[in-house]
Amino acid sequence: MNPSLQEHINSGKYLEVNGVRFFYIESGKQDEIVLLLHGFLTTSYHYRKLIGILGKKYRVIAPDFLGVGLSERPNSPLSHRMQAYHLYSFLEKLVGEKKVHVVVHDYALPILAFLAKEHPELVKSLTIVNGFLNLPKFRFYLPVNLLRIPIFGFLLSFLFRPPLLRFFYQFFLTKKGFVFEKGWESNTYQMLFAGNGRKNTLEYLNNVDRSSHALRDVEDGVKSLIGLRQIIIGDEDTRLSPYQTEFIKMTLRTSGFVTVPAKHLPMEECPEELSVKIEYLVDSYSRNKSKTFHFSRNKINPEE
């Protein structure tokens, strides 16, 4: 096993909720909690650079979604509704009634939206990084769309050995000239395609509910959020259509977004620049604590 992956595993923890274990990384002990949620074809491992930066200032929590990476698989389909249900239990057990600043990448946004529909009080602020929300109109990007093709995707997944993984990620998901560190492709393979990981990864990619009912639920979830929010886009990201960003802006009722020098994986390509954007939002919340609200499970009351 690559030493960097072993370090990642050794630095992580397990938390059992609803009979299944989450793997997560936790760093820092400060009051403000930043929750990092990964998207397709990534895990908490791919947040390692950002964790190192943000952990100096905040308490950072980065879990693997169930059935992905080092988290256990439940006895149910790997759907975003299932992930949202168990993620709430995970947070309830780990941080109690404390509220968190959430960073979502890619497919983590719909999952967070399902959670927020039932529990909007949990989120202090929301940072969306290259995310998408309109599930029925989402165009799956390479290489995700290839892996979703019946039979062909399953056969193709056996070619996703470390050398081909490096090619796919560097060619399709990162800016020209960006180079992953030595051993990165082997670590990613172990996280996503080794053993039962291949089957789980493919199921995770395919269990996207693109119905109008799901769209209504994720819209309601995002609209229910009260805290600060921002949209961050890699300035060279062609994986997501401009329509998706406009849809998020309209749903969040915000007028703009900021860019960082990246394609689709800013946490790998430019963690320093990304951390500055996240810190700005978290610190903005902290500066305005006197204007925030006290949340209870069933209602919102102004602080006394």
Protein backbone atom coordinates (compact mmCIF):
# COMPACT_ATOMS: atom_id res chain seq x y z
CA MET A 1 0.00 0.00 0.00
CA ASN A 2 1.23 3.47 -0.87
CA PRO A 3 2.49 5.31 2.26
CA SER A 4 0.28 8.35 1.55
CA LEU A 5 -2.83 6.15 1.44
CA GLN A 6 -1.77 4.40 4.62
CA GLU A 7 -1.35 7.80 6.25
CA HIS A 8 -4.84 8.76 5.11
CA ILE A 9 -6.30 5.57 6.58
CA ASN A 10 -4.37 5.90 9.84
CA SER A 11 -5.49 9.50 10.30
CA GLY A 12 -9.15 8.60 9.81
CA LYS A 13 -11.84 7.39 12.19
CA TYR A 14 -14.94 5.23 12.00
CA LEU A 15 -18.36 6.09 13.37
CA GLU A 16 -21.22 3.61 13.36
CA VAL A 17 -24.70 4.96 12.69
CA ASN A 18 -27.82 2.99 11.83
CA GLY A 19 -25.78 -0.22 11.85
CA VAL A 20 -23.23 0.90 9.25
CA ARG A 21 -19.82 2.54 9.66
CA PHE A 22 -18.77 5.87 8.17
CA PHE A 23 -15.08 6.51 7.56
CA TYR A 24 -14.14 10.15 8.04
CA ILE A 25 -11.20 12.48 8.53
CA GLU A 26 -11.34 15.01 11.33
CA SER A 27 -8.83 17.79 11.83
CA GLY A 28 -8.70 20.84 14.09
CA LYS A 29 -10.54 21.62 17.32
CA GLN A 30 -11.94 25.11 16.76
CA ASP A 31 -15.58 26.11 17.28
CA GLU A 32 -16.53 26.57 13.63
CA ILE A 33 -17.10 23.24 11.88
CA VAL A 34 -16.51 22.83 8.14
CA LEU A 35 -18.02 19.72 6.55
CA LEU A 36 -16.45 18.64 3.24
CA LEU A 37 -18.65 16.42 1.05
CA HIS A 38 -17.16 14.76 -2.04
CA GLY A 39 -18.75 14.17 -5.43
CA PHE A 40 -18.52 11.52 -8.14
CA LEU A 41 -15.22 9.60 -8.50
CA THR A 42 -13.72 11.22 -5.40
CA THR A 43 -13.57 10.48 -1.67
CA SER A 44 -12.37 12.20 1.50
CA TYR A 45 -8.84 11.34 0.31
CA HIS A 46 -9.19 13.88 -2.48
CA TYR A 47 -9.82 16.61 0.10
CA ARG A 48 -6.53 15.91 1.89
CA LYS A 49 -4.83 19.15 0.78
CA LEU A 50 -7.83 21.28 1.74
CA ILE A 51 -8.16 19.51 5.08
CA GLY A 52 -4.55 20.38 5.87
CA ILE A 53 -5.19 24.07 5.20
CA LEU A 54 -8.63 24.52 6.76
CA GLY A 55 -7.77 22.33 9.75
CA LYS A 56 -5.40 25.03 11.01
CA LYS A 57 -8.34 27.38 11.51
CA TYR A 58 -11.50 25.29 11.86
CA ARG A 59 -12.71 21.88 12.92
CA VAL A 60 -12.87 20.05 9.58
CA ILE A 61 -14.86 16.86 8.98
CA ALA A 62 -14.63 14.97 5.67
CA PRO A 63 -16.56 11.66 5.45
CA ASP A 64 -16.71 9.09 2.69
CA PHE A 65 -20.28 8.57 1.54
CA LEU A 66 -21.58 5.09 2.35
CA GLY A 67 -20.40 2.42 -0.08
CA VAL A 68 -17.65 4.75 -1.34
CA GLY A 69 -14.01 4.83 -0.30
CA LEU A 70 -13.57 3.35 3.17
CA SER A 71 -17.15 3.71 4.42
CA GLU A 72 -19.23 0.56 4.69
CA ARG A 73 -22.03 -0.25 2.33
CA PRO A 74 -25.57 -0.42 3.80
CA ASN A 75 -28.10 -3.07 2.84
CA SER A 76 -29.91 -0.69 0.51
CA PRO A 77 -29.33 0.89 -2.92
CA LEU A 78 -26.66 3.59 -3.04
CA SER A 79 -29.06 6.43 -3.80
CA HIS A 80 -28.75 10.10 -2.89
CA ARG A 81 -31.83 9.87 -0.65
CA MET A 82 -30.20 7.04 1.29
CA GLN A 83 -26.96 9.00 1.59
CA ALA A 84 -28.81 12.06 2.92
CA TYR A 85 -30.69 9.98 5.49
CA HIS A 86 -27.55 8.38 6.92
CA LEU A 87 -25.50 11.59 6.65
CA TYR A 88 -27.95 13.32 8.97
CA SER A 89 -27.56 10.49 11.51
CA PHE A 90 -23.78 10.74 11.15
CA LEU A 91 -23.80 14.47 11.90
CA GLU A 92 -26.30 14.13 14.71
CA LYS A 93 -24.06 11.60 16.44
CA LEU A 94 -20.74 13.33 15.72
CA VAL A 95 -21.53 17.02 16.36
CA GLY A 96 -24.86 16.87 18.20
CA GLU A 97 -26.90 20.04 17.85
CA LYS A 98 -23.99 22.08 16.50
CA LYS A 99 -24.46 23.60 13.05
CA VAL A 100 -21.91 23.31 10.28
CA HIS A 101 -20.49 25.15 7.29
CA VAL A 102 -20.89 22.79 4.35
CA VAL A 103 -18.69 22.52 1.24
CA VAL A 104 -20.21 20.36 -1.49
CA HIS A 105 -18.49 19.24 -4.64
CA ASP A 106 -20.27 17.93 -7.72
CA TYR A 107 -22.93 15.30 -6.83
CA ALA A 108 -22.77 16.14 -3.12
CA LEU A 109 -25.06 19.12 -3.76
CA PRO A 110 -28.22 17.05 -4.48
CA ILE A 111 -27.42 14.87 -1.45
CA LEU A 112 -27.08 17.92 0.78
CA ALA A 113 -30.31 19.31 -0.71
CA PHE A 114 -32.23 16.19 0.33
CA LEU A 115 -30.83 16.52 3.86
CA ALA A 116 -31.63 20.24 3.99
CA LYS A 117 -35.24 19.63 2.98
CA GLU A 118 -35.79 17.92 6.33
CA HIS A 119 -33.13 19.64 8.43
CA PRO A 120 -32.29 23.12 7.08
CA GLU A 121 -31.28 24.24 10.56
CA LEU A 122 -28.03 22.25 10.36
CA VAL A 123 -26.35 24.48 7.76
CA LYS A 124 -24.66 27.75 8.71
CA SER A 125 -23.26 28.38 5.25
CA LEU A 126 -23.04 26.55 1.94
CA THR A 127 -20.17 26.58 -0.53
CA ILE A 128 -20.97 24.88 -3.84
CA VAL A 129 -17.88 23.79 -5.81
CA ASN A 130 -18.55 22.79 -9.43
CA GLY A 131 -21.93 21.47 -8.37
CA PHE A 132 -25.13 20.61 -10.21
CA LEU A 133 -28.74 20.60 -9.08
CA ASN A 134 -31.10 20.06 -12.02
CA LEU A 135 -30.93 16.26 -12.10
CA PRO A 136 -33.27 15.65 -15.07
CA LYS A 137 -31.18 17.89 -17.32
CA PHE A 138 -27.75 17.01 -16.01
CA ARG A 139 -25.34 15.85 -18.73
CA PHE A 140 -22.97 13.33 -17.18
CA TYR A 141 -19.39 14.27 -17.92
CA LEU A 142 -16.53 12.09 -19.08
CA PRO A 143 -15.57 9.61 -17.77
CA VAL A 144 -18.75 9.26 -15.67
CA ASN A 145 -21.03 8.94 -18.68
CA LEU A 146 -18.90 6.09 -20.07
CA LEU A 147 -19.10 4.16 -16.81
CA ARG A 148 -22.87 4.56 -16.75
CA ILE A 149 -23.39 2.75 -20.07
CA PRO A 150 -24.98 -0.69 -19.36
CA ILE A 151 -22.57 -3.62 -19.78
CA PHE A 152 -19.98 -1.41 -21.56
CA GLY A 153 -19.42 0.63 -18.42
CA PHE A 154 -18.94 -2.50 -16.34
CA LEU A 155 -16.40 -3.88 -18.79
CA LEU A 156 -14.66 -0.50 -19.08
CA SER A 157 -14.30 -0.28 -15.33
CA PHE A 158 -11.86 -3.21 -15.40
CA LEU A 159 -9.53 -1.03 -17.46
CA PHE A 160 -9.57 1.63 -14.77
CA ARG A 161 -6.26 0.53 -13.39
CA PRO A 162 -3.93 3.20 -11.98
CA PRO A 163 -2.24 4.31 -15.27
CA LEU A 164 -5.57 4.78 -17.08
CA LEU A 165 -7.07 6.50 -14.04
CA ARG A 166 -4.30 9.07 -14.09
CA PHE A 167 -4.91 9.69 -17.80
CA PHE A 168 -8.67 10.10 -17.39
CA TYR A 169 -8.48 12.43 -14.41
CA GLN A 170 -5.69 14.56 -15.86
CA PHE A 171 -7.18 14.77 -19.36
CA PHE A 172 -10.85 15.25 -18.50
CA LEU A 173 -11.00 16.67 -14.98
CA THR A 174 -7.93 18.87 -14.43
CA LYS A 175 -6.27 21.77 -16.22
CA LYS A 176 -3.57 21.20 -18.79
CA GLY A 177 -0.20 20.97 -17.12
CA PHE A 178 -1.51 19.86 -13.74
CA VAL A 179 0.25 16.73 -12.45
CA PHE A 180 -0.89 14.54 -9.57
CA GLU A 181 1.73 13.50 -7.07
CA LYS A 182 3.38 10.10 -7.25
CA GLY A 183 1.11 7.30 -6.08
CA TRP A 184 -2.09 9.32 -6.44
CA GLU A 185 -3.54 7.04 -9.12
CA SER A 186 -2.86 3.91 -7.06
CA ASN A 187 -4.54 5.47 -4.04
CA THR A 188 -7.56 6.50 -6.09
CA TYR A 189 -7.81 3.02 -7.55
CA GLN A 190 -7.77 1.49 -4.08
CA MET A 191 -10.47 3.90 -2.90
CA LEU A 192 -12.85 3.45 -5.84
CA PHE A 193 -12.15 0.37 -7.98
CA ALA A 194 -10.37 -2.27 -5.91
CA GLY A 195 -12.37 -5.30 -4.78
CA ASN A 196 -16.05 -4.55 -4.14
CA GLY A 197 -15.29 -0.88 -4.63
CA ARG A 198 -15.79 -1.23 -8.40
CA LYS A 199 -19.34 -2.54 -8.03
CA ASN A 200 -20.22 0.09 -5.44
CA THR A 201 -18.75 2.92 -7.51
CA LEU A 202 -20.73 1.88 -10.58
CA GLU A 203 -23.94 1.58 -8.57
CA TYR A 204 -23.33 4.99 -6.99
CA LEU A 205 -22.90 6.53 -10.45
CA ASN A 206 -26.04 4.89 -11.80
CA ASN A 207 -28.46 5.50 -8.92
CA VAL A 208 -29.24 9.11 -9.74
CA ASP A 209 -32.95 9.85 -9.46
CA ARG A 210 -33.66 12.15 -12.41
CA SER A 211 -37.42 12.30 -11.89
CA SER A 212 -39.40 15.53 -11.60
CA HIS A 213 -40.25 14.52 -8.03
CA ALA A 214 -36.56 14.38 -7.12
CA LEU A 215 -36.00 17.77 -8.75
CA ARG A 216 -38.82 19.28 -6.69
CA ASP A 217 -37.32 17.88 -3.50
CA VAL A 218 -33.79 19.16 -4.14
CA GLU A 219 -35.16 22.60 -5.07
CA ASP A 220 -37.18 22.72 -1.86
CA GLY A 221 -34.15 21.63 0.12
CA VAL A 222 -31.86 24.33 -1.26
CA LYS A 223 -34.53 27.01 -0.95
CA SER A 224 -35.05 26.13 2.72
CA LEU A 225 -31.46 27.05 3.61
CA ILE A 226 -31.17 30.26 5.58
CA GLY A 227 -27.40 30.71 5.96
CA LEU A 228 -24.84 32.32 3.69
CA ARG A 229 -24.08 30.67 0.39
CA GLN A 230 -21.67 30.94 -2.54
CA ILE A 231 -21.01 29.26 -5.88
CA ILE A 232 -17.44 28.45 -6.94
CA ILE A 233 -16.60 27.28 -10.44
CA GLY A 234 -13.29 26.16 -11.94
CA ASP A 235 -12.52 28.72 -14.63
CA GLU A 236 -11.76 25.98 -17.17
CA ASP A 237 -14.47 23.52 -16.17
CA THR A 238 -16.29 22.29 -19.25
CA ARG A 239 -17.76 19.25 -17.48
CA LEU A 240 -20.83 21.14 -16.31
CA SER A 241 -23.10 23.14 -18.59
CA PRO A 242 -23.62 26.88 -17.93
CA TYR A 243 -27.32 26.02 -17.60
CA GLN A 244 -26.62 24.11 -14.39
CA THR A 245 -24.87 27.08 -12.82
CA GLU A 246 -27.66 29.41 -13.86
CA PHE A 247 -30.22 27.02 -12.41
CA ILE A 248 -28.37 26.97 -9.08
CA LYS A 249 -28.14 30.75 -9.06
CA MET A 250 -31.85 31.07 -9.72
CA THR A 251 -32.76 28.49 -7.07
CA LEU A 252 -30.47 30.03 -4.46
CA ARG A 253 -31.64 33.51 -5.44
CA THR A 254 -28.08 34.71 -5.86
CA SER A 255 -26.78 36.78 -8.74
CA GLY A 256 -23.24 35.59 -9.30
CA PHE A 257 -20.41 33.18 -8.69
CA VAL A 258 -16.66 33.26 -8.24
CA THR A 259 -14.01 31.32 -10.14
CA VAL A 260 -10.79 29.59 -9.15
CA PRO A 261 -7.91 28.49 -11.43
CA ALA A 262 -9.03 24.91 -11.97
CA LYS A 263 -11.06 22.58 -14.13
CA HIS A 264 -13.31 20.19 -12.19
CA LEU A 265 -11.19 19.28 -9.15
CA PRO A 266 -10.22 22.54 -7.40
CA MET A 267 -9.47 20.70 -4.16
CA GLU A 268 -6.61 18.97 -6.01
CA GLU A 269 -5.63 21.71 -8.46
CA CYS A 270 -5.73 24.88 -6.35
CA PRO A 271 -6.47 24.09 -2.68
CA GLU A 272 -4.97 27.37 -1.47
CA GLU A 273 -7.21 29.51 -3.68
CA LEU A 274 -10.24 27.39 -2.82
CA SER A 275 -9.55 27.64 0.90
CA VAL A 276 -9.48 31.45 0.69
CA LYS A 277 -13.01 31.46 -0.75
CA ILE A 278 -14.28 29.05 1.89
CA GLU A 279 -12.63 30.95 4.73
CA TYR A 280 -14.17 34.20 3.54
CA LEU A 281 -17.68 32.79 3.82
CA VAL A 282 -17.08 31.07 7.17
CA ASP A 283 -15.48 34.18 8.64
CA SER A 284 -18.29 36.34 7.27
CA TYR A 285 -20.72 34.22 9.26
CA SER A 286 -18.58 34.56 12.38
CA ARG A 287 -18.41 38.34 12.04
CA ASN A 288 -22.19 38.52 11.88
CA LYS A 289 -23.00 36.15 14.74
CA SER A 290 -24.94 38.85 16.52
CA LYS A 291 -27.36 38.90 13.59
CA THR A 292 -27.83 35.15 13.29
CA PHE A 293 -30.64 33.07 14.66
CA HIS A 294 -30.92 30.32 17.20
CA PHE A 295 -32.26 27.17 15.59
CA SER A 296 -34.32 24.51 17.28
CA ARG A 297 -35.28 21.24 15.65
CA ASN A 298 -38.82 22.38 14.85
CA LYS A 299 -38.69 26.16 14.62
CA ILE A 300 -36.46 29.20 14.35
CA ASN A 301 -36.32 31.74 17.14
CA PRO A 302 -34.28 34.94 17.37
CA GLU A 303 -31.61 34.83 20.02
CA GLU A 304 -32.56 36.45 23.28
